[in-house]
C-alpha cells in the first residue's frame, strides 16, 4: 500500500496501529507518523507521538517539534500559542 504523503516505513507503522491499537514508533519516524496520523485523524496516535516529541526536546530537535505544531490540524492550538 502506498500514499504520496507517507514513506513505506510510516505507512507500515500506521497499519500496525490500525490492526493492533498500539505501535512502537522509532525516533527516526516520529515526526512523519505524527503528521500522517494527523492527516488520517488518528488523534490518539498523533497525541502519543507529540507527547514523546515534547518529552524529548533538545536544541537539535526543536525544528521538528515546531513543524509538527505548525502543521497540526488541531484547532485547539491557536495561532497565538504557536
N, C-alpha and C. Protein backbone atom coordinates (compact mmCIF):
# COMPACT_ATOMS: atom_id res chain seq x y z
N UNK A 1 0.84 -1.17 0.00
CA UNK A 1 0.00 0.00 0.00
C UNK A 1 0.89 1.23 0.00
N UNK A 2 0.55 2.21 -0.79
CA UNK A 2 1.34 3.44 -0.89
C UNK A 2 0.44 4.66 -0.72
N UNK A 3 1.05 5.72 -0.26
CA UNK A 3 0.37 7.00 -0.13
C UNK A 3 1.41 8.08 -0.41
N UNK A 4 1.06 9.10 -1.17
CA UNK A 4 2.07 10.10 -1.54
C UNK A 4 2.62 10.90 -0.36
N UNK A 5 1.91 10.93 0.76
CA UNK A 5 2.37 11.71 1.92
C UNK A 5 3.09 10.87 2.97
N UNK A 6 3.29 9.58 2.69
CA UNK A 6 3.89 8.71 3.71
C UNK A 6 4.91 7.77 3.09
N UNK A 7 6.01 7.61 3.80
CA UNK A 7 7.01 6.64 3.37
C UNK A 7 6.47 5.23 3.64
N UNK A 8 7.14 4.24 3.10
CA UNK A 8 6.74 2.86 3.33
C UNK A 8 6.82 2.53 4.82
N UNK A 9 7.85 3.01 5.49
CA UNK A 9 8.02 2.75 6.92
C UNK A 9 6.88 3.38 7.73
N UNK A 10 6.53 4.62 7.38
CA UNK A 10 5.45 5.31 8.08
C UNK A 10 4.13 4.60 7.86
N UNK A 11 3.87 4.21 6.63
CA UNK A 11 2.62 3.51 6.31
C UNK A 11 2.55 2.17 7.05
N UNK A 12 3.66 1.48 7.14
CA UNK A 12 3.71 0.21 7.85
C UNK A 12 3.38 0.40 9.33
N UNK A 13 3.93 1.45 9.93
CA UNK A 13 3.66 1.75 11.34
C UNK A 13 2.19 2.11 11.55
N UNK A 14 1.62 2.88 10.64
CA UNK A 14 0.19 3.25 10.72
C UNK A 14 -0.68 2.00 10.62
N UNK A 15 -0.33 1.10 9.68
CA UNK A 15 -1.11 -0.14 9.54
C UNK A 15 -0.99 -1.01 10.78
N UNK A 16 0.19 -1.07 11.38
CA UNK A 16 0.35 -1.79 12.64
C UNK A 16 -0.59 -1.21 13.70
N UNK A 17 -0.68 0.10 13.74
CA UNK A 17 -1.57 0.76 14.70
C UNK A 17 -3.03 0.42 14.41
N UNK A 18 -3.42 0.43 13.13
CA UNK A 18 -4.80 0.07 12.76
C UNK A 18 -5.16 -1.32 13.27
N UNK A 19 -4.27 -2.26 13.06
CA UNK A 19 -4.58 -3.66 13.38
C UNK A 19 -4.40 -4.02 14.84
N UNK A 20 -3.49 -3.36 15.55
CA UNK A 20 -3.22 -3.77 16.93
C UNK A 20 -3.68 -2.75 17.97
N UNK A 21 -3.87 -1.51 17.55
CA UNK A 21 -4.24 -0.48 18.50
C UNK A 21 -3.06 0.14 19.23
N UNK A 22 -1.88 -0.37 18.94
CA UNK A 22 -0.66 0.20 19.52
C UNK A 22 0.48 0.01 18.53
N UNK A 23 1.51 0.78 18.73
CA UNK A 23 2.67 0.69 17.85
C UNK A 23 3.86 1.34 18.55
N UNK A 24 5.03 0.80 18.29
CA UNK A 24 6.26 1.40 18.78
C UNK A 24 6.90 2.14 17.61
N UNK A 25 6.97 3.45 17.75
CA UNK A 25 7.48 4.29 16.66
C UNK A 25 8.92 4.68 16.98
N UNK A 26 9.85 4.32 16.09
CA UNK A 26 11.24 4.73 16.31
C UNK A 26 11.39 6.25 16.21
N UNK A 27 12.35 6.79 16.93
CA UNK A 27 12.59 8.23 16.90
C UNK A 27 12.79 8.76 15.48
N UNK A 28 13.31 7.94 14.60
CA UNK A 28 13.57 8.39 13.23
C UNK A 28 12.29 8.61 12.44
N UNK A 29 11.16 8.06 12.90
CA UNK A 29 9.90 8.18 12.17
C UNK A 29 8.83 8.95 12.94
N UNK A 30 9.14 9.43 14.13
CA UNK A 30 8.12 10.00 14.99
C UNK A 30 7.42 11.22 14.38
N UNK A 31 8.16 12.08 13.74
CA UNK A 31 7.56 13.28 13.13
C UNK A 31 6.66 12.89 11.97
N UNK A 32 7.14 12.00 11.11
CA UNK A 32 6.35 11.59 9.95
C UNK A 32 5.07 10.89 10.39
N UNK A 33 5.16 10.02 11.39
CA UNK A 33 3.97 9.32 11.88
C UNK A 33 2.99 10.31 12.49
N UNK A 34 3.49 11.27 13.25
CA UNK A 34 2.63 12.28 13.85
C UNK A 34 1.87 13.07 12.77
N UNK A 35 2.60 13.51 11.76
CA UNK A 35 1.97 14.29 10.69
C UNK A 35 0.96 13.47 9.90
N UNK A 36 1.30 12.23 9.59
CA UNK A 36 0.38 11.39 8.82
C UNK A 36 -0.82 10.97 9.67
N UNK A 37 -0.60 10.71 10.95
CA UNK A 37 -1.72 10.40 11.86
C UNK A 37 -2.68 11.58 11.92
N UNK A 38 -2.14 12.78 11.90
CA UNK A 38 -2.97 13.99 11.90
C UNK A 38 -3.82 14.04 10.63
N UNK A 39 -3.23 13.74 9.50
CA UNK A 39 -3.98 13.74 8.23
C UNK A 39 -5.09 12.70 8.23
N UNK A 40 -4.84 11.57 8.88
CA UNK A 40 -5.82 10.48 8.92
C UNK A 40 -6.79 10.61 10.10
N UNK A 41 -6.65 11.70 10.86
CA UNK A 41 -7.50 11.97 12.02
C UNK A 41 -7.37 10.88 13.09
N UNK A 42 -6.17 10.35 13.24
CA UNK A 42 -5.87 9.37 14.29
C UNK A 42 -5.35 10.15 15.50
N UNK A 43 -6.28 10.78 16.19
CA UNK A 43 -5.93 11.71 17.26
C UNK A 43 -5.09 11.06 18.35
N UNK A 44 -5.47 9.87 18.79
CA UNK A 44 -4.74 9.23 19.89
C UNK A 44 -3.29 8.95 19.49
N UNK A 45 -3.07 8.47 18.28
CA UNK A 45 -1.71 8.19 17.82
C UNK A 45 -0.92 9.49 17.69
N UNK A 46 -1.53 10.52 17.12
CA UNK A 46 -0.85 11.80 16.98
C UNK A 46 -0.45 12.36 18.34
N UNK A 47 -1.37 12.29 19.30
CA UNK A 47 -1.08 12.81 20.64
C UNK A 47 0.06 12.04 21.30
N UNK A 48 0.10 10.72 21.13
CA UNK A 48 1.19 9.94 21.70
C UNK A 48 2.52 10.33 21.09
N UNK A 49 2.54 10.52 19.77
CA UNK A 49 3.77 10.95 19.10
C UNK A 49 4.19 12.33 19.60
N UNK A 50 3.22 13.25 19.72
CA UNK A 50 3.53 14.61 20.14
C UNK A 50 4.04 14.65 21.57
N UNK A 51 3.45 13.84 22.46
CA UNK A 51 3.92 13.78 23.84
C UNK A 51 5.36 13.29 23.88
N UNK A 52 5.65 12.29 23.07
CA UNK A 52 7.02 11.78 23.00
C UNK A 52 7.97 12.86 22.48
N UNK A 53 7.55 13.56 21.44
CA UNK A 53 8.40 14.63 20.88
C UNK A 53 8.66 15.72 21.92
N UNK A 54 7.62 16.13 22.62
CA UNK A 54 7.78 17.19 23.61
C UNK A 54 8.64 16.75 24.79
N UNK A 55 8.60 15.47 25.11
CA UNK A 55 9.42 14.96 26.20
C UNK A 55 10.87 14.76 25.81
N UNK A 56 11.14 14.80 24.52
CA UNK A 56 12.48 14.54 24.01
C UNK A 56 13.04 15.77 23.29
N UNK A 57 12.67 16.95 23.76
CA UNK A 57 13.11 18.18 23.10
C UNK A 57 14.54 18.50 23.47
N UNK A 58 15.31 18.78 22.46
CA UNK A 58 16.68 19.25 22.64
C UNK A 58 16.91 20.32 21.57
N UNK A 59 17.95 21.11 21.69
CA UNK A 59 18.17 22.15 20.69
C UNK A 59 18.19 21.64 19.25
N UNK A 60 18.69 20.44 19.04
CA UNK A 60 18.76 19.92 17.67
C UNK A 60 17.41 19.42 17.16
N UNK A 61 16.43 19.26 18.05
CA UNK A 61 15.13 18.72 17.63
C UNK A 61 14.01 19.75 17.66
N UNK A 62 14.28 20.98 18.02
CA UNK A 62 13.21 21.96 18.15
C UNK A 62 12.52 22.24 16.83
N UNK A 63 13.23 22.16 15.72
CA UNK A 63 12.61 22.39 14.42
C UNK A 63 11.53 21.35 14.16
N UNK A 64 11.77 20.09 14.47
CA UNK A 64 10.78 19.03 14.27
C UNK A 64 9.53 19.26 15.10
N UNK A 65 9.73 19.66 16.34
CA UNK A 65 8.58 19.91 17.22
C UNK A 65 7.78 21.09 16.68
N UNK A 66 8.46 22.16 16.31
CA UNK A 66 7.77 23.33 15.75
C UNK A 66 7.00 22.96 14.49
N UNK A 67 7.62 22.18 13.62
CA UNK A 67 6.97 21.78 12.37
C UNK A 67 5.69 21.00 12.64
N UNK A 68 5.71 20.09 13.61
CA UNK A 68 4.51 19.32 13.96
C UNK A 68 3.40 20.23 14.46
N UNK A 69 3.76 21.18 15.29
CA UNK A 69 2.76 22.09 15.83
C UNK A 69 2.24 23.02 14.74
N UNK A 70 3.12 23.53 13.91
CA UNK A 70 2.73 24.48 12.87
C UNK A 70 1.84 23.85 11.81
N UNK A 71 2.00 22.55 11.56
CA UNK A 71 1.22 21.90 10.52
C UNK A 71 0.04 21.12 11.07
N UNK A 72 -0.17 21.18 12.37
CA UNK A 72 -1.26 20.43 13.00
C UNK A 72 -2.60 20.96 12.56
N UNK A 73 -3.55 20.05 12.36
CA UNK A 73 -4.91 20.46 12.04
C UNK A 73 -5.74 20.64 13.30
N UNK A 74 -5.12 20.46 14.45
CA UNK A 74 -5.83 20.57 15.72
C UNK A 74 -6.21 22.02 15.98
N UNK A 75 -7.49 22.29 15.98
CA UNK A 75 -7.93 23.66 16.18
C UNK A 75 -7.73 24.14 17.61
N UNK A 76 -7.40 23.22 18.52
CA UNK A 76 -7.15 23.61 19.91
C UNK A 76 -5.85 24.39 20.03
N UNK A 77 -4.99 24.26 19.06
CA UNK A 77 -3.72 25.01 19.08
C UNK A 77 -3.96 26.27 18.24
N UNK A 78 -4.11 27.36 18.90
CA UNK A 78 -4.40 28.60 18.20
C UNK A 78 -3.11 29.20 17.66
N UNK A 79 -3.26 30.14 16.76
CA UNK A 79 -2.09 30.81 16.19
C UNK A 79 -1.31 31.56 17.26
N UNK A 80 -2.01 32.05 18.30
CA UNK A 80 -1.31 32.76 19.37
C UNK A 80 -0.39 31.84 20.13
N UNK A 81 -0.76 30.55 20.27
CA UNK A 81 0.05 29.60 21.01
C UNK A 81 1.24 29.13 20.19
N UNK A 82 1.19 29.26 18.90
CA UNK A 82 2.27 28.80 18.02
C UNK A 82 3.37 29.74 18.07
